Amino acid sequence: MVSEKPDITVIVATYNPSWNKLERTLKSVLFQDNITVEIIIADDGSRDNCFNEIKALFAKYHFEHYTLLPSETNRGTCRNFAGGVEAAAGEYVKLLSPGDYLYDETTLEKWYRYVAQNHMDMCFGNAVYYDANASDISIVATKNNPANMSVYLGRQKQAHIRENYLLLNDLALGASFLIKTERMQAYIKLIVDQVIYAEDNVIRLMIADGVSLFHFPEIIIWYEYGGGISTSSVKIWQERLTQDLLAANRVIGERIKKNSWFNIRYRLCLAGNPRRARIYKFFLFPRLFFWKFQKTFQYRLTPTNADTGFYRRISTHGANVLEREDDGTCR
């Protein structure tokens, strides 16, 4: 149990995790400096949830501020994440998946200080993408998310950010967010019975509802490129994510009842035929022509000049915490 209110609750959502990846993810949190952290492991009905290994790892580092949330059945990523959010005691909440790691030992301290001092409810940072299938650390240069970073520079205009994010679908990486816990607790309840896998649709709902989005201009995460459902090319996952998107759109359409000029136009885009909406949204929101050009032709690549010292530190294995299978899964 946490004796004082943590600054940040890190929720690690698992389903049949590889222990090697999960161990590194947890170590990237355990090694954070000058920050009070709570860790919640929310497991979604794994064959082996690795809880014995987790307990041994936490005991090794004398870490007691954690909660283990098992599930007898697989309920989907969104409901699993929601269970972790409901139990969170920190001022802010951060979601991690096994295979994604905090960038260095100062990440949470600097990030928390930035959002707390500026009274931000929702903020995303930069990510370094690495090849999950490489034998050693291999950084991948790919299109940045979001592509139109210009809308976040200088004096941020939330109206522009909202149009770019919601209408161009120019999304920030879901793994790169830090969100006020009370905000997340309120909004995740609105989609948990509608969205099954893509829990980051809650961010779209918050933005549509007027919650301001900000950018932290530093690298905050090592992101496993090609290992998650968001970068999967498998047809069934593309279909599932599309269904989650449409379900979230229905929730958003019901939520934004206030007849502001933005809401009237945005509801037309949500309610109409999706193919037709891709065209007439540009006439309803003329600024999208310019941002579409930027997104297509002036996009930025993800950072490639990352310091790999911390990554290598959390990847260093001493004696096994518990005996494991050769394939990296827990026994």
Foldseek 3Di string as FASTA:
>chain_A
DDPDQFQEEEEEEDALDQQLLVLLAVVLVLLAPDGGYAYEYQYFQHPDSCVVLVVLSCVVSVHDRYYYHYDNHGQFDLVSVLVVLVPHRHQKYAYDYRNKHWAFNHQVVVVSVVCVVVVAFKEFEAEFEFEPPDPDTHTDKDFAQQFCCVCQPDPHDLVVVLCCCQLVVRGHDNNGMMGGSVLCNVQSVLCSVQAGYPNCLSVNLCSLVPRGYHYDYDYTMYHHAPPDLVNDPDPVSVVSVVSNVLSSLVSSLVPPPPPDLVNVLVNCLNPDDVVVSNPCNCVSPVCVVVVVCCSVPVGGIGDDPGDCVRVVVSSDDDPRSDDADPVRGRD
